[in-house]
């Protein structure tokens, strides 16, 4: 996760999970008038981007204020990411993020948060900056690219869902879940390693 700009974009895309979010967006926007759906998607992606950008600049300060270490953030982020990955692999009746209870136009929750800017995405941007604070411009560029790709994919969510079908989407979700599981384990191992070294 502390390698190149390209790997940062890939990791951010995996934790923002636009492909895995397609079924969530399609189902939650069914009751929204078709003319407003794209506007809602743009708004929710903008809110998620703004939140993640806030943590790029102030995440380290918040961690220091709360007295949290990088190892604890790695372990917590890994656990959360692992639980989300399990729900992607083993389909849960309440969806990836639990029961939504949304019967009107969604606002911020659950589309912007936690679907796009969830705990694992927040933890990822904070960790990127914490490990290489001198490369903050790279991490902002990575976030912009990942957010733009996410926006494009979600704007095409209905077309992608029709093209892939329910089985294709389920297969994509499970594939994303497998990759996220590996990233979660890596985050946990790095957190444990840094904790052991600090003893």
Protein backbone atom coordinates (compact mmCIF):
# COMPACT_ATOMS: atom_id res chain seq x y z
CA UNK A 1 0.00 0.00 0.00
CA UNK A 2 2.99 2.29 0.32
CA UNK A 3 4.26 1.67 -3.21
CA UNK A 4 3.32 3.57 -6.35
CA UNK A 5 0.59 5.92 -7.46
CA UNK A 6 -0.88 3.12 -9.58
CA UNK A 7 -1.07 0.71 -6.64
CA UNK A 8 -2.69 3.44 -4.51
CA UNK A 9 -5.37 3.92 -7.18
CA UNK A 10 -5.97 0.16 -7.35
CA UNK A 11 -6.25 -0.18 -3.56
CA UNK A 12 -8.59 2.82 -3.35
CA UNK A 13 -10.77 1.36 -6.10
CA UNK A 14 -10.93 -1.96 -4.29
CA UNK A 15 -11.98 -0.41 -0.99
CA UNK A 16 -14.43 2.03 -2.64
CA UNK A 17 -15.73 -1.01 -4.55
CA UNK A 18 -17.72 0.63 -7.40
CA UNK A 19 -18.46 -2.73 -9.08
CA UNK A 20 -19.64 -4.28 -5.83
CA UNK A 21 -21.76 -1.19 -5.18
CA UNK A 22 -23.63 -1.43 -8.48
CA UNK A 23 -26.39 -3.70 -7.07
CA UNK A 24 -26.69 -1.44 -3.99
CA UNK A 25 -27.06 1.72 -6.09
CA UNK A 26 -29.47 0.12 -8.57
CA UNK A 27 -31.76 -1.22 -5.83
CA UNK A 28 -31.70 1.93 -3.67
CA UNK A 29 -32.33 4.27 -6.62
CA UNK A 30 -35.29 2.32 -7.99
CA UNK A 31 -37.77 4.63 -6.25
CA UNK A 32 -35.92 7.76 -7.40
CA UNK A 33 -37.28 9.33 -10.62
CA UNK A 34 -35.01 8.35 -13.57
CA UNK A 35 -34.32 12.03 -14.33
CA UNK A 36 -32.80 12.50 -10.86
CA UNK A 37 -30.75 9.30 -10.57
CA UNK A 38 -27.58 10.61 -12.23
CA UNK A 39 -27.78 13.77 -10.11
CA UNK A 40 -28.06 11.67 -6.94
CA UNK A 41 -25.10 9.51 -7.98
CA UNK A 42 -22.94 12.58 -8.72
CA UNK A 43 -23.95 14.15 -5.40
CA UNK A 44 -23.20 11.02 -3.37
CA UNK A 45 -19.83 10.51 -5.11
CA UNK A 46 -18.95 14.16 -4.45
CA UNK A 47 -19.83 13.80 -0.75
CA UNK A 48 -17.73 10.62 -0.49
CA UNK A 49 -14.80 12.32 -2.26
CA UNK A 50 -15.05 15.35 0.05
CA UNK A 51 -15.01 13.13 3.14
CA UNK A 52 -12.00 11.13 1.95
CA UNK A 53 -10.17 14.33 0.97
CA UNK A 54 -10.86 15.69 4.48
CA UNK A 55 -9.15 12.61 5.95
CA UNK A 56 -6.21 13.01 3.56
CA UNK A 57 -5.51 16.42 5.13
CA UNK A 58 -6.75 15.95 8.70
CA UNK A 59 -6.70 12.18 9.29
CA UNK A 60 -3.23 12.21 10.83
CA UNK A 61 -4.20 15.09 13.14
CA UNK A 62 -7.36 13.25 14.24
CA UNK A 63 -5.34 10.09 14.97
CA UNK A 64 -2.83 12.07 17.03
CA UNK A 65 -5.66 13.82 18.88
CA UNK A 66 -7.24 10.49 19.77
CA UNK A 67 -3.88 8.91 20.57
CA UNK A 68 -4.25 6.18 17.95
CA UNK A 69 -1.22 4.51 16.41
CA UNK A 70 -0.68 3.33 12.84
CA UNK A 71 -0.71 -0.27 14.04
CA UNK A 72 -4.13 0.10 15.68
CA UNK A 73 -5.46 1.76 12.52
CA UNK A 74 -4.04 -1.05 10.39
CA UNK A 75 -5.61 -3.71 12.59
CA UNK A 76 -8.99 -1.94 12.85
CA UNK A 77 -9.07 -1.24 9.10
CA UNK A 78 -8.11 -4.84 8.38
CA UNK A 79 -10.88 -6.24 10.61
CA UNK A 80 -13.54 -3.97 9.06
CA UNK A 81 -12.34 -4.75 5.55
CA UNK A 82 -12.32 -8.47 6.35
CA UNK A 83 -15.94 -8.36 7.57
CA UNK A 84 -17.03 -6.49 4.43
CA UNK A 85 -15.12 -9.00 2.27
CA UNK A 86 -16.89 -11.91 3.99
CA UNK A 87 -20.28 -10.34 3.22
CA UNK A 88 -19.25 -9.96 -0.42
CA UNK A 89 -18.13 -13.59 -0.70
CA UNK A 90 -20.92 -15.15 1.38
CA UNK A 91 -24.08 -13.34 0.29
CA UNK A 92 -25.94 -11.82 3.24
CA UNK A 93 -29.73 -11.25 3.07
CA UNK A 94 -29.34 -7.72 4.45
CA UNK A 95 -26.66 -6.74 1.95
CA UNK A 96 -23.02 -5.77 2.44
CA UNK A 97 -23.71 -3.01 4.97
CA UNK A 98 -26.77 -4.43 6.73
CA UNK A 99 -30.41 -3.39 6.51
CA UNK A 100 -30.77 0.01 4.95
CA UNK A 101 -34.37 0.89 5.64
CA UNK A 102 -34.28 3.47 2.83
CA UNK A 103 -37.64 3.95 1.11
CA UNK A 104 -37.08 7.47 -0.25
CA UNK A 105 -34.24 9.22 -2.06
CA UNK A 106 -31.04 8.28 -0.21
CA UNK A 107 -28.88 11.12 1.08
CA UNK A 108 -25.32 10.54 2.34
CA UNK A 109 -26.24 7.25 4.07
CA UNK A 110 -25.91 4.53 2.82
CA UNK A 111 -24.61 5.47 -0.65
CA UNK A 112 -21.86 8.02 0.04
CA UNK A 113 -21.19 6.54 3.50
CA UNK A 114 -20.48 3.66 3.96
CA UNK A 115 -20.91 2.30 0.41
CA UNK A 116 -18.14 4.44 -1.15
CA UNK A 117 -16.38 6.22 1.73
CA UNK A 118 -16.58 3.47 4.31
CA UNK A 119 -14.29 2.82 7.27
CA UNK A 120 -11.86 0.83 5.12
CA UNK A 121 -11.58 3.64 2.52
CA UNK A 122 -11.03 6.21 5.28
CA UNK A 123 -8.43 3.98 6.92
CA UNK A 124 -6.71 3.50 3.55
CA UNK A 125 -6.29 7.22 2.80
CA UNK A 126 -5.12 7.93 6.35
CA UNK A 127 -2.57 5.10 6.15
CA UNK A 128 -1.29 6.27 2.76
CA UNK A 129 -0.63 9.75 4.13
CA UNK A 130 0.76 8.44 7.44
CA UNK A 131 3.32 6.22 5.68
CA UNK A 132 4.45 8.82 3.13
CA UNK A 133 3.36 12.33 4.17
CA UNK A 134 5.77 13.84 1.65
CA UNK A 135 3.76 12.30 -1.19
CA UNK A 136 0.42 13.86 -0.28
CA UNK A 137 0.04 15.23 -3.84
CA UNK A 138 0.31 11.66 -5.16
CA UNK A 139 -2.36 10.45 -2.77
CA UNK A 140 -4.71 13.29 -3.76
CA UNK A 141 -4.18 12.42 -7.44
CA UNK A 142 -4.83 8.74 -6.65
CA UNK A 143 -8.03 9.68 -4.82
CA UNK A 144 -9.19 11.89 -7.72
CA UNK A 145 -8.55 9.10 -10.26
CA UNK A 146 -10.23 6.42 -8.13
CA UNK A 147 -13.22 8.70 -7.44
CA UNK A 148 -13.58 9.56 -11.15
CA UNK A 149 -13.55 5.86 -12.13
CA UNK A 150 -16.06 5.13 -9.37
CA UNK A 151 -18.34 7.92 -10.62
CA UNK A 152 -18.19 6.70 -14.25
CA UNK A 153 -18.95 3.09 -13.25
CA UNK A 154 -21.84 4.09 -10.98
CA UNK A 155 -23.35 6.39 -13.62
CA UNK A 156 -23.41 3.33 -15.88
CA UNK A 157 -24.65 1.07 -13.04
CA UNK A 158 -28.01 0.20 -14.59
CA UNK A 159 -26.49 -0.61 -18.00
CA UNK A 160 -23.72 -2.70 -16.39
CA UNK A 161 -26.27 -4.54 -14.23
CA UNK A 162 -28.41 -5.36 -17.30
CA UNK A 163 -25.35 -6.44 -19.30
CA UNK A 164 -23.86 -8.71 -16.63
CA UNK A 165 -27.09 -10.00 -15.15
CA UNK A 166 -27.54 -11.11 -11.56
CA UNK A 167 -25.08 -14.02 -11.87
CA UNK A 168 -22.39 -11.85 -13.41
CA UNK A 169 -22.75 -9.23 -10.67
CA UNK A 170 -22.67 -11.94 -7.99
CA UNK A 171 -19.47 -13.37 -9.51
CA UNK A 172 -17.89 -9.88 -9.59
CA UNK A 173 -18.83 -9.28 -5.96
CA UNK A 174 -17.25 -12.57 -4.88
CA UNK A 175 -14.09 -11.80 -6.88
CA UNK A 176 -13.86 -8.36 -5.22
CA UNK A 177 -14.43 -10.06 -1.87
CA UNK A 178 -11.50 -12.43 -2.44
CA UNK A 179 -9.17 -9.55 -3.32
CA UNK A 180 -10.40 -7.51 -0.34
CA UNK A 181 -9.80 -10.49 1.96
CA UNK A 182 -6.15 -10.60 0.87
CA UNK A 183 -5.79 -6.83 1.44
CA UNK A 184 -7.46 -7.16 4.86
CA UNK A 185 -5.07 -9.92 5.91
CA UNK A 186 -2.12 -7.83 4.70
CA UNK A 187 -3.33 -4.83 6.76
CA UNK A 188 -3.73 -7.05 9.83
CA UNK A 189 -0.25 -8.53 9.41
CA UNK A 190 1.32 -5.09 9.00
CA UNK A 191 -0.53 -3.84 12.08
CA UNK A 192 0.60 -6.81 14.18
CA UNK A 193 4.18 -6.51 12.87
CA UNK A 194 4.42 -2.80 13.74
CA UNK A 195 2.88 -3.47 17.17
CA UNK A 196 5.38 -6.26 17.92
CA UNK A 197 8.29 -4.04 16.82
CA UNK A 198 7.14 -1.28 19.17
CA UNK A 199 7.29 -3.61 22.22
